[in-house]
């Protein structure tokens, strides 16, 4: 597919229309139930047009995942981990709250776990794996802290959504930061002491 800066406005509109219909279908059905015929019908295009831009539905889902990852990475650019974790976690909640129902389903539903994992891998590669403090850790400690961070943030967000977002956004950010940031700070301090 052509890069975004090389696409005509008409092509860009068609691609956006395909994505909009697909995201609507994600909200209505399980991923395995979505068919190309449903996408093209909703987008008012033919199959040939769909296949001009996407090899299959999986490639469309991967592009949407890539879009989410790139948008979020712009939000956390310039933060230094682990010191700025509270800011990164805040951006995660703010970013997630701005997205629609399709993002929530991709992020929270186990049917999309492989896509969610790819999103998290991209974020980890562009943030934690560029951290000097993180890279000084032995690999066995790196995997422990990454597992804790990703599961804690994601599970807190997931529970907030499941509970109907009854806690105000700013309050859930403070709660999440209180629990997770303190643990990360303590972890790095204890590892530093243990490896002296």
C-alpha atoms as a PDB file:
ATOM      1  CA  UNK A   1       0.000   0.000   0.000  1.00  0.00           C
ATOM      2  CA  UNK A   2       1.115   3.549  -0.670  1.00  0.00           C
ATOM      3  CA  UNK A   3       2.383   5.590   2.287  1.00  0.00           C
ATOM      4  CA  UNK A   4      -0.147   8.137   3.597  1.00  0.00           C
ATOM      5  CA  UNK A   5       1.757  11.120   2.186  1.00  0.00           C
ATOM      6  CA  UNK A   6       1.572   9.615  -1.335  1.00  0.00           C
ATOM      7  CA  UNK A   7      -2.160   8.864  -1.310  1.00  0.00           C
ATOM      8  CA  UNK A   8      -4.671  11.015  -3.141  1.00  0.00           C
ATOM      9  CA  UNK A   9      -7.531  12.514  -1.088  1.00  0.00           C
ATOM     10  CA  UNK A  10      -9.923  10.090  -2.821  1.00  0.00           C
ATOM     11  CA  UNK A  11      -7.806   7.057  -1.867  1.00  0.00           C
ATOM     12  CA  UNK A  12      -7.408   8.359   1.683  1.00  0.00           C
ATOM     13  CA  UNK A  13     -11.185   8.807   1.961  1.00  0.00           C
ATOM     14  CA  UNK A  14     -11.805   5.242   0.688  1.00  0.00           C
ATOM     15  CA  UNK A  15      -9.300   3.776   3.164  1.00  0.00           C
ATOM     16  CA  UNK A  16     -10.788   5.774   6.038  1.00  0.00           C
ATOM     17  CA  UNK A  17     -14.259   4.621   5.022  1.00  0.00           C
ATOM     18  CA  UNK A  18     -13.096   0.970   5.051  1.00  0.00           C
ATOM     19  CA  UNK A  19     -11.598   1.446   8.522  1.00  0.00           C
ATOM     20  CA  UNK A  20     -14.741   3.153   9.844  1.00  0.00           C
ATOM     21  CA  UNK A  21     -16.980   0.321   8.654  1.00  0.00           C
ATOM     22  CA  UNK A  22     -14.542  -2.277  10.004  1.00  0.00           C
ATOM     23  CA  UNK A  23     -14.395  -0.594  13.424  1.00  0.00           C
ATOM     24  CA  UNK A  24     -18.215  -0.544  13.510  1.00  0.00           C
ATOM     25  CA  UNK A  25     -18.253  -4.265  12.744  1.00  0.00           C
ATOM     26  CA  UNK A  26     -15.664  -4.917  15.472  1.00  0.00           C
ATOM     27  CA  UNK A  27     -18.098  -3.382  17.956  1.00  0.00           C
ATOM     28  CA  UNK A  28     -20.960  -5.558  16.717  1.00  0.00           C
ATOM     29  CA  UNK A  29     -19.293  -8.942  16.121  1.00  0.00           C
ATOM     30  CA  UNK A  30     -16.415 -11.183  17.071  1.00  0.00           C
ATOM     31  CA  UNK A  31     -13.451 -10.799  14.744  1.00  0.00           C
ATOM     32  CA  UNK A  32     -13.880 -14.297  13.227  1.00  0.00           C
ATOM     33  CA  UNK A  33     -17.421 -13.392  12.169  1.00  0.00           C
ATOM     34  CA  UNK A  34     -16.413 -10.333  10.134  1.00  0.00           C
ATOM     35  CA  UNK A  35     -16.335 -10.910   6.381  1.00  0.00           C
ATOM     36  CA  UNK A  36     -14.891  -8.826   3.565  1.00  0.00           C
ATOM     37  CA  UNK A  37     -18.345  -8.819   1.973  1.00  0.00           C
ATOM     38  CA  UNK A  38     -19.744  -7.018   5.050  1.00  0.00           C
ATOM     39  CA  UNK A  39     -16.981  -4.413   4.930  1.00  0.00           C
ATOM     40  CA  UNK A  40     -17.395  -3.674   1.231  1.00  0.00           C
ATOM     41  CA  UNK A  41     -21.180  -3.495   1.561  1.00  0.00           C
ATOM     42  CA  UNK A  42     -20.928  -1.003   4.429  1.00  0.00           C
ATOM     43  CA  UNK A  43     -18.199   1.018   2.703  1.00  0.00           C
ATOM     44  CA  UNK A  44     -20.141   0.962  -0.596  1.00  0.00           C
ATOM     45  CA  UNK A  45     -17.147  -0.329  -2.551  1.00  0.00           C
ATOM     46  CA  UNK A  46     -16.458  -3.556  -4.422  1.00  0.00           C
ATOM     47  CA  UNK A  47     -14.174  -6.377  -3.299  1.00  0.00           C
ATOM     48  CA  UNK A  48     -11.587  -5.444  -5.892  1.00  0.00           C
ATOM     49  CA  UNK A  49     -11.234  -2.013  -4.248  1.00  0.00           C
ATOM     50  CA  UNK A  50     -10.834  -3.601  -0.808  1.00  0.00           C
ATOM     51  CA  UNK A  51      -8.136  -5.973  -2.065  1.00  0.00           C
ATOM     52  CA  UNK A  52      -6.312  -3.104  -3.753  1.00  0.00           C
ATOM     53  CA  UNK A  53      -5.518  -1.764  -0.279  1.00  0.00           C
ATOM     54  CA  UNK A  54      -5.598  -4.862   1.955  1.00  0.00           C
ATOM     55  CA  UNK A  55      -4.468  -8.447   1.476  1.00  0.00           C
ATOM     56  CA  UNK A  56      -7.166  -9.652   3.885  1.00  0.00           C
ATOM     57  CA  UNK A  57      -9.038  -8.639   7.053  1.00  0.00           C
ATOM     58  CA  UNK A  58      -5.993  -9.456   9.192  1.00  0.00           C
ATOM     59  CA  UNK A  59      -3.905  -6.886   7.318  1.00  0.00           C
ATOM     60  CA  UNK A  60      -6.625  -4.282   7.901  1.00  0.00           C
ATOM     61  CA  UNK A  61      -6.652  -5.082  11.620  1.00  0.00           C
ATOM     62  CA  UNK A  62      -2.840  -4.857  11.733  1.00  0.00           C
ATOM     63  CA  UNK A  63      -2.959  -1.414  10.127  1.00  0.00           C
ATOM     64  CA  UNK A  64      -5.487  -0.216  12.701  1.00  0.00           C
ATOM     65  CA  UNK A  65      -3.264  -1.623  15.465  1.00  0.00           C
ATOM     66  CA  UNK A  66      -0.274   0.167  13.952  1.00  0.00           C
ATOM     67  CA  UNK A  67      -2.246   3.432  13.788  1.00  0.00           C
ATOM     68  CA  UNK A  68      -3.174   3.177  17.499  1.00  0.00           C
ATOM     69  CA  UNK A  69       0.423   2.394  18.468  1.00  0.00           C
ATOM     70  CA  UNK A  70       1.861   5.298  16.463  1.00  0.00           C
ATOM     71  CA  UNK A  71      -0.675   7.766  17.854  1.00  0.00           C
ATOM     72  CA  UNK A  72       0.052   6.687  21.439  1.00  0.00           C
ATOM     73  CA  UNK A  73       3.822   6.816  20.902  1.00  0.00           C
ATOM     74  CA  UNK A  74       3.464  10.457  19.825  1.00  0.00           C
ATOM     75  CA  UNK A  75       1.755  11.130  23.173  1.00  0.00           C
ATOM     76  CA  UNK A  76       4.623   9.662  25.219  1.00  0.00           C
ATOM     77  CA  UNK A  77       7.520  10.899  23.111  1.00  0.00           C
ATOM     78  CA  UNK A  78      10.243  12.502  25.189  1.00  0.00           C
ATOM     79  CA  UNK A  79       9.368  10.847  28.494  1.00  0.00           C
ATOM     80  CA  UNK A  80      12.205   9.097  30.318  1.00  0.00           C
ATOM     81  CA  UNK A  81      11.384   5.750  31.891  1.00  0.00           C
ATOM     82  CA  UNK A  82      11.120   4.701  34.647  1.00  0.00           C
ATOM     83  CA  UNK A  83      11.304   8.258  36.078  1.00  0.00           C
ATOM     84  CA  UNK A  84       8.387   9.566  34.018  1.00  0.00           C
ATOM     85  CA  UNK A  85       6.198   6.484  34.341  1.00  0.00           C
ATOM     86  CA  UNK A  86       3.447   8.484  36.038  1.00  0.00           C
ATOM     87  CA  UNK A  87       3.268  10.724  32.942  1.00  0.00           C
ATOM     88  CA  UNK A  88       3.350   7.751  30.554  1.00  0.00           C
ATOM     89  CA  UNK A  89       0.592   6.002  32.514  1.00  0.00           C
ATOM     90  CA  UNK A  90      -1.439   9.220  32.511  1.00  0.00           C
ATOM     91  CA  UNK A  91      -1.064   9.466  28.728  1.00  0.00           C
ATOM     92  CA  UNK A  92      -2.184   5.839  28.402  1.00  0.00           C
ATOM     93  CA  UNK A  93      -5.449   6.579  30.203  1.00  0.00           C
ATOM     94  CA  UNK A  94      -6.017   9.900  28.423  1.00  0.00           C
ATOM     95  CA  UNK A  95      -5.275   8.358  25.029  1.00  0.00           C
ATOM     96  CA  UNK A  96      -7.447   5.301  25.704  1.00  0.00           C
ATOM     97  CA  UNK A  97     -10.355   7.441  26.922  1.00  0.00           C
ATOM     98  CA  UNK A  98     -10.304   9.426  23.644  1.00  0.00           C
ATOM     99  CA  UNK A  99     -10.630   6.316  21.480  1.00  0.00           C
ATOM    100  CA  UNK A 100     -13.892   4.685  20.540  1.00  0.00           C
ATOM    101  CA  UNK A 101     -15.600   1.388  21.267  1.00  0.00           C
ATOM    102  CA  UNK A 102     -13.523  -0.502  18.681  1.00  0.00           C
ATOM    103  CA  UNK A 103     -10.312   0.440  20.538  1.00  0.00           C
ATOM    104  CA  UNK A 104     -11.871  -0.737  23.794  1.00  0.00           C
ATOM    105  CA  UNK A 105     -12.844  -4.059  22.256  1.00  0.00           C
ATOM    106  CA  UNK A 106      -9.396  -4.578  20.696  1.00  0.00           C
ATOM    107  CA  UNK A 107      -7.716  -3.610  23.970  1.00  0.00           C
ATOM    108  CA  UNK A 108      -9.952  -5.577  26.327  1.00  0.00           C
ATOM    109  CA  UNK A 109     -11.344  -8.584  24.459  1.00  0.00           C
ATOM    110  CA  UNK A 110      -9.240 -11.762  24.529  1.00  0.00           C
ATOM    111  CA  UNK A 111     -10.113 -12.455  20.873  1.00  0.00           C
ATOM    112  CA  UNK A 112      -7.788  -9.556  20.010  1.00  0.00           C
ATOM    113  CA  UNK A 113      -4.976 -10.568  22.362  1.00  0.00           C
ATOM    114  CA  UNK A 114      -2.478 -11.104  19.520  1.00  0.00           C
ATOM    115  CA  UNK A 115      -3.138  -7.591  18.209  1.00  0.00           C
ATOM    116  CA  UNK A 116      -3.045  -6.047  21.689  1.00  0.00           C
ATOM    117  CA  UNK A 117       0.280  -7.808  22.348  1.00  0.00           C
ATOM    118  CA  UNK A 118       1.730  -6.367  19.133  1.00  0.00           C
ATOM    119  CA  UNK A 119       0.568  -2.886  20.157  1.00  0.00           C
ATOM    120  CA  UNK A 120       2.239  -3.279  23.554  1.00  0.00           C
ATOM    121  CA  UNK A 121       5.427  -4.673  21.986  1.00  0.00           C
ATOM    122  CA  UNK A 122       5.715  -1.607  19.737  1.00  0.00           C
ATOM    123  CA  UNK A 123       5.231   0.702  22.704  1.00  0.00           C
ATOM    124  CA  UNK A 124       7.757  -1.196  24.833  1.00  0.00           C
ATOM    125  CA  UNK A 125      10.326  -1.168  22.025  1.00  0.00           C
ATOM    126  CA  UNK A 126       9.933   2.593  21.564  1.00  0.00           C
ATOM    127  CA  UNK A 127       9.885   3.480  25.262  1.00  0.00           C
ATOM    128  CA  UNK A 128      11.189   1.048  27.873  1.00  0.00           C
ATOM    129  CA  UNK A 129      13.802  -0.536  25.625  1.00  0.00           C
ATOM    130  CA  UNK A 130      15.292   2.917  25.032  1.00  0.00           C
ATOM    131  CA  UNK A 131      15.592   3.598  28.754  1.00  0.00           C
ATOM    132  CA  UNK A 132      19.117   3.707  30.119  1.00  0.00           C
ATOM    133  CA  UNK A 133      18.007   2.560  33.596  1.00  0.00           C
ATOM    134  CA  UNK A 134      15.947  -0.262  32.152  1.00  0.00           C
ATOM    135  CA  UNK A 135      18.775  -1.443  29.886  1.00  0.00           C
ATOM    136  CA  UNK A 136      21.139  -1.641  32.865  1.00  0.00           C
ATOM    137  CA  UNK A 137      18.912  -4.313  34.389  1.00  0.00           C
ATOM    138  CA  UNK A 138      19.655  -7.995  33.918  1.00  0.00           C
ATOM    139  CA  UNK A 139      17.238  -9.535  31.379  1.00  0.00           C
ATOM    140  CA  UNK A 140      15.507 -11.600  34.061  1.00  0.00           C
ATOM    141  CA  UNK A 141      14.558  -8.373  35.872  1.00  0.00           C
ATOM    142  CA  UNK A 142      13.537  -6.665  32.639  1.00  0.00           C
ATOM    143  CA  UNK A 143      10.940  -9.319  31.871  1.00  0.00           C
ATOM    144  CA  UNK A 144       9.522  -9.145  35.416  1.00  0.00           C
ATOM    145  CA  UNK A 145       9.106  -5.353  35.394  1.00  0.00           C
ATOM    146  CA  UNK A 146       7.648  -5.280  31.856  1.00  0.00           C
ATOM    147  CA  UNK A 147       5.121  -7.971  32.699  1.00  0.00           C
ATOM    148  CA  UNK A 148       4.106  -6.111  35.851  1.00  0.00           C
ATOM    149  CA  UNK A 149       3.764  -2.754  34.107  1.00  0.00           C
ATOM    150  CA  UNK A 150       1.793  -3.937  31.100  1.00  0.00           C
ATOM    151  CA  UNK A 151      -0.545  -6.181  33.046  1.00  0.00           C
ATOM    152  CA  UNK A 152      -1.123  -3.677  35.882  1.00  0.00           C
ATOM    153  CA  UNK A 153      -1.914  -0.716  33.627  1.00  0.00           C
ATOM    154  CA  UNK A 154      -4.018  -2.756  31.236  1.00  0.00           C
ATOM    155  CA  UNK A 155      -5.959  -4.565  33.975  1.00  0.00           C
ATOM    156  CA  UNK A 156      -6.668  -1.295  35.802  1.00  0.00           C
ATOM    157  CA  UNK A 157      -7.942   0.280  32.562  1.00  0.00           C
ATOM    158  CA  UNK A 158      -9.941  -2.868  31.751  1.00  0.00           C
ATOM    159  CA  UNK A 159     -11.639  -2.910  35.152  1.00  0.00           C
ATOM    160  CA  UNK A 160     -12.434   0.806  34.879  1.00  0.00           C
ATOM    161  CA  UNK A 161     -14.151   0.198  31.523  1.00  0.00           C
ATOM    162  CA  UNK A 162     -15.970  -2.941  32.739  1.00  0.00           C
ATOM    163  CA  UNK A 163     -17.262  -0.978  35.741  1.00  0.00           C
ATOM    164  CA  UNK A 164     -18.750   1.587  33.371  1.00  0.00           C
ATOM    165  CA  UNK A 165     -16.083   4.282  33.952  1.00  0.00           C
ATOM    166  CA  UNK A 166     -17.865   5.327  37.151  1.00  0.00           C
ATOM    167  CA  UNK A 167     -14.650   6.699  38.618  1.00  0.00           C
ATOM    168  CA  UNK A 168     -13.782  10.046  36.978  1.00  0.00           C
ATOM    169  CA  UNK A 169     -10.845   9.842  34.546  1.00  0.00           C
ATOM    170  CA  UNK A 170      -8.521  12.039  36.622  1.00  0.00           C
ATOM    171  CA  UNK A 171      -9.253   9.978  39.713  1.00  0.00           C
ATOM    172  CA  UNK A 172      -8.556   6.617  38.031  1.00  0.00           C
ATOM    173  CA  UNK A 173      -5.279   8.048  36.711  1.00  0.00           C
ATOM    174  CA  UNK A 174      -4.298   9.067  40.264  1.00  0.00           C
ATOM    175  CA  UNK A 175      -5.294   5.659  41.665  1.00  0.00           C
ATOM    176  CA  UNK A 176      -3.402   3.805  38.948  1.00  0.00           C
ATOM    177  CA  UNK A 177      -0.328   5.978  39.359  1.00  0.00           C
ATOM    178  CA  UNK A 178      -0.414   5.607  43.141  1.00  0.00           C
ATOM    179  CA  UNK A 179      -0.401   1.818  42.907  1.00  0.00           C
ATOM    180  CA  UNK A 180       1.874   1.249  39.928  1.00  0.00           C
ATOM    181  CA  UNK A 181       4.356   4.138  40.127  1.00  0.00           C
ATOM    182  CA  UNK A 182       5.142   3.407  43.756  1.00  0.00           C
ATOM    183  CA  UNK A 183       5.815  -0.239  42.938  1.00  0.00           C
ATOM    184  CA  UNK A 184       8.087   0.653  40.010  1.00  0.00           C
ATOM    185  CA  UNK A 185      10.051   3.164  42.064  1.00  0.00           C
ATOM    186  CA  UNK A 186      10.474   0.614  44.860  1.00  0.00           C
ATOM    187  CA  UNK A 187      11.492  -2.087  42.379  1.00  0.00           C
ATOM    188  CA  UNK A 188      14.268   0.016  40.849  1.00  0.00           C
ATOM    189  CA  UNK A 189      15.508   1.133  44.277  1.00  0.00           C
ATOM    190  CA  UNK A 190      15.587  -2.453  45.598  1.00  0.00           C
ATOM    191  CA  UNK A 191      17.272  -3.860  42.487  1.00  0.00           C
ATOM    192  CA  UNK A 192      19.909  -1.129  42.746  1.00  0.00           C
ATOM    193  CA  UNK A 193      20.591  -2.081  46.365  1.00  0.00           C
ATOM    194  CA  UNK A 194      20.582  -5.819  45.666  1.00  0.00           C
ATOM    195  CA  UNK A 195      23.071  -5.529  42.799  1.00  0.00           C
ATOM    196  CA  UNK A 196      25.626  -3.333  44.607  1.00  0.00           C
END
